[in-house]
Amino acid sequence: MAAGDYKPVKIDSAKAIAEAKKRPGFTEAWDALDEEYAALDALLAARRDAGLTQEALAEKMGTTKSAISRLEASFRNERHSPSFATLKRYAHACGKKLLVRLV
């Protein structure tokens, strides 16, 4: 592909989601992901607030950047959920305290 051939496509995500919600079963599946994405958002916000890259966080935790990447991606995969101990180490490395609440 030549340098001038790249033409990004703009996507209106709100419109795309509204269209998808018309399909049977989509809304239920979308809503089922709410807890996972809320937890992932909390992790990413903690890392961002601490001003840490994945690499810097990995160094503080004594692990690798790829392990942090896998950890942050694991919220989208039921089979590879992080342990409480790992989440606690992540939180502490970000200068936070891990708190679990059931609401």
C-alpha atoms as a PDB file:
ATOM      1  CA  MET A   1       0.000   0.000   0.000  1.00  0.00           C
ATOM      2  CA  ALA A   2       1.420   3.355  -0.987  1.00  0.00           C
ATOM      3  CA  ALA A   3       1.658   6.105   1.638  1.00  0.00           C
ATOM      4  CA  GLY A   4      -1.183   8.124   0.106  1.00  0.00           C
ATOM      5  CA  ASP A   5      -3.569   5.151  -0.116  1.00  0.00           C
ATOM      6  CA  TYR A   6      -4.518   5.126   3.560  1.00  0.00           C
ATOM      7  CA  LYS A   7      -7.982   6.591   4.097  1.00  0.00           C
ATOM      8  CA  PRO A   8      -9.291   6.141   7.648  1.00  0.00           C
ATOM      9  CA  VAL A   9     -12.981   5.434   8.023  1.00  0.00           C
ATOM     10  CA  LYS A  10     -14.836   7.499  10.602  1.00  0.00           C
ATOM     11  CA  ILE A  11     -17.109   5.455  12.823  1.00  0.00           C
ATOM     12  CA  ASP A  12     -19.966   6.855  14.851  1.00  0.00           C
ATOM     13  CA  SER A  13     -19.811   4.337  17.709  1.00  0.00           C
ATOM     14  CA  ALA A  14     -23.035   5.543  19.340  1.00  0.00           C
ATOM     15  CA  LYS A  15     -24.895   5.033  16.066  1.00  0.00           C
ATOM     16  CA  ALA A  16     -23.265   1.639  15.485  1.00  0.00           C
ATOM     17  CA  ILE A  17     -24.236   0.465  18.982  1.00  0.00           C
ATOM     18  CA  ALA A  18     -27.795   1.764  18.548  1.00  0.00           C
ATOM     19  CA  GLU A  19     -28.059  -0.223  15.308  1.00  0.00           C
ATOM     20  CA  ALA A  20     -26.561  -3.328  16.906  1.00  0.00           C
ATOM     21  CA  LYS A  21     -29.025  -3.143  19.807  1.00  0.00           C
ATOM     22  CA  LYS A  22     -31.813  -3.815  17.311  1.00  0.00           C
ATOM     23  CA  ARG A  23     -30.443  -7.341  16.789  1.00  0.00           C
ATOM     24  CA  PRO A  24     -31.931 -10.072  18.996  1.00  0.00           C
ATOM     25  CA  GLY A  25     -29.732 -10.906  21.975  1.00  0.00           C
ATOM     26  CA  PHE A  26     -27.286  -8.038  21.493  1.00  0.00           C
ATOM     27  CA  THR A  27     -28.530  -5.880  24.378  1.00  0.00           C
ATOM     28  CA  GLU A  28     -28.362  -8.786  26.819  1.00  0.00           C
ATOM     29  CA  ALA A  29     -24.826  -9.673  25.701  1.00  0.00           C
ATOM     30  CA  TRP A  30     -23.749  -6.006  25.807  1.00  0.00           C
ATOM     31  CA  ASP A  31     -25.159  -5.521  29.309  1.00  0.00           C
ATOM     32  CA  ALA A  32     -23.491  -8.743  30.518  1.00  0.00           C
ATOM     33  CA  LEU A  33     -20.087  -7.147  29.844  1.00  0.00           C
ATOM     34  CA  ASP A  34     -20.798  -4.135  32.063  1.00  0.00           C
ATOM     35  CA  GLU A  35     -19.046  -5.471  35.173  1.00  0.00           C
ATOM     36  CA  GLU A  36     -15.918  -6.554  33.279  1.00  0.00           C
ATOM     37  CA  TYR A  37     -15.578  -3.229  31.502  1.00  0.00           C
ATOM     38  CA  ALA A  38     -16.169  -1.286  34.729  1.00  0.00           C
ATOM     39  CA  ALA A  39     -13.343  -3.245  36.389  1.00  0.00           C
ATOM     40  CA  LEU A  40     -11.063  -2.740  33.389  1.00  0.00           C
ATOM     41  CA  ASP A  41     -11.876   0.971  33.365  1.00  0.00           C
ATOM     42  CA  ALA A  42     -10.903   1.183  37.052  1.00  0.00           C
ATOM     43  CA  LEU A  43      -7.551  -0.507  36.369  1.00  0.00           C
ATOM     44  CA  LEU A  44      -6.740   1.677  33.390  1.00  0.00           C
ATOM     45  CA  ALA A  45      -7.793   4.823  35.274  1.00  0.00           C
ATOM     46  CA  ALA A  46      -5.538   3.878  38.208  1.00  0.00           C
ATOM     47  CA  ARG A  47      -2.569   3.373  35.887  1.00  0.00           C
ATOM     48  CA  ARG A  48      -3.327   6.607  34.013  1.00  0.00           C
ATOM     49  CA  ASP A  49      -3.763   8.582  37.260  1.00  0.00           C
ATOM     50  CA  ALA A  50      -0.418   7.245  38.470  1.00  0.00           C
ATOM     51  CA  GLY A  51       1.157   8.407  35.202  1.00  0.00           C
ATOM     52  CA  LEU A  52       2.467   4.914  34.466  1.00  0.00           C
ATOM     53  CA  THR A  53       2.952   3.161  31.165  1.00  0.00           C
ATOM     54  CA  GLN A  54       2.509  -0.591  31.035  1.00  0.00           C
ATOM     55  CA  GLU A  55       6.285  -0.876  31.016  1.00  0.00           C
ATOM     56  CA  ALA A  56       6.725   1.360  34.092  1.00  0.00           C
ATOM     57  CA  LEU A  57       3.964  -0.473  35.952  1.00  0.00           C
ATOM     58  CA  ALA A  58       5.536  -3.817  35.073  1.00  0.00           C
ATOM     59  CA  GLU A  59       8.842  -2.656  36.520  1.00  0.00           C
ATOM     60  CA  LYS A  60       7.152  -1.587  39.770  1.00  0.00           C
ATOM     61  CA  MET A  61       5.367  -4.941  39.980  1.00  0.00           C
ATOM     62  CA  GLY A  62       8.447  -6.968  39.099  1.00  0.00           C
ATOM     63  CA  THR A  63       6.960  -8.408  35.929  1.00  0.00           C
ATOM     64  CA  THR A  64       6.975  -7.751  32.187  1.00  0.00           C
ATOM     65  CA  LYS A  65       5.087  -5.328  29.973  1.00  0.00           C
ATOM     66  CA  SER A  66       3.492  -8.261  28.161  1.00  0.00           C
ATOM     67  CA  ALA A  67       2.210  -9.616  31.504  1.00  0.00           C
ATOM     68  CA  ILE A  68       0.558  -6.243  32.216  1.00  0.00           C
ATOM     69  CA  SER A  69      -0.934  -6.229  28.732  1.00  0.00           C
ATOM     70  CA  ARG A  70      -2.328  -9.749  29.264  1.00  0.00           C
ATOM     71  CA  LEU A  71      -3.656  -8.759  32.695  1.00  0.00           C
ATOM     72  CA  GLU A  72      -5.494  -5.737  31.310  1.00  0.00           C
ATOM     73  CA  ALA A  73      -6.855  -7.830  28.424  1.00  0.00           C
ATOM     74  CA  SER A  74      -7.933 -10.671  30.733  1.00  0.00           C
ATOM     75  CA  PHE A  75     -11.105  -8.873  31.773  1.00  0.00           C
ATOM     76  CA  ARG A  76     -12.528  -9.796  28.394  1.00  0.00           C
ATOM     77  CA  ASN A  77     -11.777 -13.497  28.887  1.00  0.00           C
ATOM     78  CA  GLU A  78     -13.545 -15.608  31.541  1.00  0.00           C
ATOM     79  CA  ARG A  79     -10.880 -18.334  31.484  1.00  0.00           C
ATOM     80  CA  HIS A  80      -8.006 -16.057  32.450  1.00  0.00           C
ATOM     81  CA  SER A  81      -9.301 -13.857  35.233  1.00  0.00           C
ATOM     82  CA  PRO A  82      -6.615 -12.256  37.427  1.00  0.00           C
ATOM     83  CA  SER A  83      -6.266 -13.326  41.045  1.00  0.00           C
ATOM     84  CA  PHE A  84      -7.083 -11.059  43.968  1.00  0.00           C
ATOM     85  CA  ALA A  85      -3.364 -10.984  44.831  1.00  0.00           C
ATOM     86  CA  THR A  86      -2.462  -9.794  41.323  1.00  0.00           C
ATOM     87  CA  LEU A  87      -5.112  -7.072  41.373  1.00  0.00           C
ATOM     88  CA  LYS A  88      -3.845  -5.975  44.789  1.00  0.00           C
ATOM     89  CA  ARG A  89      -0.243  -5.745  43.518  1.00  0.00           C
ATOM     90  CA  TYR A  90      -1.470  -3.765  40.488  1.00  0.00           C
ATOM     91  CA  ALA A  91      -3.396  -1.346  42.713  1.00  0.00           C
ATOM     92  CA  HIS A  92      -0.497  -0.843  45.123  1.00  0.00           C
ATOM     93  CA  ALA A  93       1.946  -0.262  42.247  1.00  0.00           C
ATOM     94  CA  CYS A  94      -0.409   2.522  41.097  1.00  0.00           C
ATOM     95  CA  GLY A  95      -0.474   4.009  44.591  1.00  0.00           C
ATOM     96  CA  LYS A  96      -4.033   2.795  45.161  1.00  0.00           C
ATOM     97  CA  LYS A  97      -5.791   0.399  47.511  1.00  0.00           C
ATOM     98  CA  LEU A  98      -7.849  -2.478  46.104  1.00  0.00           C
ATOM     99  CA  LEU A  99     -11.439  -2.314  47.300  1.00  0.00           C
ATOM    100  CA  VAL A 100     -14.118  -4.802  46.266  1.00  0.00           C
ATOM    101  CA  ARG A 101     -17.747  -3.844  46.736  1.00  0.00           C
ATOM    102  CA  LEU A 102     -20.877  -5.786  45.962  1.00  0.00           C
ATOM    103  CA  VAL A 103     -23.794  -3.536  45.110  1.00  0.00           C
END
